[in-house]
Amino acid sequence: MTEPDKNRITVEIYNKTYTIMGDEPASHVKLVADLVDQKMNEIRRHNGHLDTTRLAVLTAVNTMNDYVKLKADYAKLVGSIKRKEDK
């Protein structure tokens, strides 16, 4: 897809508006933006002293932690399925 063919979606995350360009459908981008917004607000409720930059970094760290755990769980599941298939 060339640059002009990319989807351009405007979303709001933590009371700021962002325009995101990409190949994903608008519904997917909006879902992701909503999840980021929810996570930032959740972390903010527990850490009211954080400035926006630290809040964003903590949100990214939490999100990547969840991602790494899911990736490990997925690898275990695939390994388990493969072992069952090999029997």
Protein backbone atom coordinates (compact mmCIF):
# COMPACT_ATOMS: atom_id res chain seq x y z
CA MET A 1 0.00 0.00 0.00
CA THR A 2 1.37 3.38 -0.88
CA GLU A 3 1.28 6.26 1.58
CA PRO A 4 -1.90 7.87 0.15
CA ASP A 5 -3.72 4.49 0.34
CA LYS A 6 -3.21 4.14 4.09
CA ASN A 7 -6.16 4.54 6.43
CA ARG A 8 -6.16 7.76 8.45
CA ILE A 9 -8.04 7.50 11.74
CA THR A 10 -8.44 10.16 14.41
CA VAL A 11 -8.58 8.84 17.98
CA GLU A 12 -8.49 10.27 21.47
CA ILE A 13 -6.09 8.89 24.05
CA TYR A 14 -5.83 10.41 27.50
CA ASN A 15 -7.69 13.56 26.44
CA LYS A 16 -5.43 14.21 23.45
CA THR A 17 -6.32 13.73 19.79
CA TYR A 18 -4.05 11.69 17.54
CA THR A 19 -4.26 10.90 13.85
CA ILE A 20 -3.02 7.39 13.16
CA MET A 21 -2.16 6.16 9.69
CA GLY A 22 -1.87 2.50 8.84
CA ASP A 23 -3.17 -0.54 7.06
CA GLU A 24 -5.47 -1.74 9.82
CA PRO A 25 -9.23 -1.15 9.63
CA ALA A 26 -10.54 1.89 11.50
CA SER A 27 -12.42 -0.37 13.94
CA HIS A 28 -9.17 -2.08 14.94
CA VAL A 29 -7.28 1.18 15.42
CA LYS A 30 -10.14 2.60 17.51
CA LEU A 31 -10.21 -0.54 19.66
CA VAL A 32 -6.46 -0.33 20.28
CA ALA A 33 -6.70 3.39 21.08
CA ASP A 34 -9.57 2.73 23.49
CA LEU A 35 -7.55 0.03 25.27
CA VAL A 36 -4.54 2.35 25.59
CA ASP A 37 -6.78 5.10 26.94
CA GLN A 38 -8.35 2.69 29.46
CA LYS A 39 -4.95 1.42 30.62
CA MET A 40 -3.58 4.95 31.03
CA ASN A 41 -6.61 5.98 33.07
CA GLU A 42 -6.40 2.81 35.18
CA ILE A 43 -2.73 3.39 35.97
CA ARG A 44 -3.41 7.09 36.65
CA ARG A 45 -6.07 6.16 39.23
CA HIS A 46 -3.43 4.18 41.16
CA ASN A 47 -0.58 6.66 40.58
CA GLY A 48 -2.06 10.14 40.62
CA HIS A 49 1.33 11.81 40.96
CA LEU A 50 2.65 10.69 37.54
CA ASP A 51 3.18 13.24 34.79
CA THR A 52 1.94 12.31 31.30
CA THR A 53 5.35 11.12 30.05
CA ARG A 54 5.90 8.79 33.00
CA LEU A 55 2.32 7.61 32.74
CA ALA A 56 2.80 6.80 29.05
CA VAL A 57 6.03 4.90 29.75
CA LEU A 58 4.44 2.95 32.60
CA THR A 59 1.50 2.12 30.34
CA ALA A 60 3.90 0.89 27.64
CA VAL A 61 5.82 -1.23 30.17
CA ASN A 62 2.59 -2.76 31.52
CA THR A 63 1.32 -3.45 28.02
CA MET A 64 4.58 -5.08 26.92
CA ASN A 65 4.59 -7.17 30.10
CA ASP A 66 1.13 -8.46 29.20
CA TYR A 67 2.28 -9.08 25.62
CA VAL A 68 5.36 -11.07 26.69
CA LYS A 69 3.23 -13.20 29.03
CA LEU A 70 0.69 -13.88 26.29
CA LYS A 71 3.45 -14.75 23.84
CA ALA A 72 4.93 -17.26 26.32
CA ASP A 73 1.48 -18.76 26.97
CA TYR A 74 0.92 -19.05 23.22
CA ALA A 75 4.28 -20.80 22.75
CA LYS A 76 3.40 -23.27 25.52
CA LEU A 77 0.03 -23.93 23.92
CA VAL A 78 1.53 -24.50 20.49
CA GLY A 79 4.15 -26.81 22.03
CA SER A 80 1.44 -28.75 23.85
CA ILE A 81 -0.60 -29.14 20.66
CA LYS A 82 2.48 -30.26 18.74
CA ARG A 83 3.35 -32.87 21.39
CA LYS A 84 -0.22 -34.23 21.22
CA GLU A 85 -0.05 -34.38 17.43
CA ASP A 86 3.28 -36.24 17.58
CA LYS A 87 1.84 -39.01 19.79
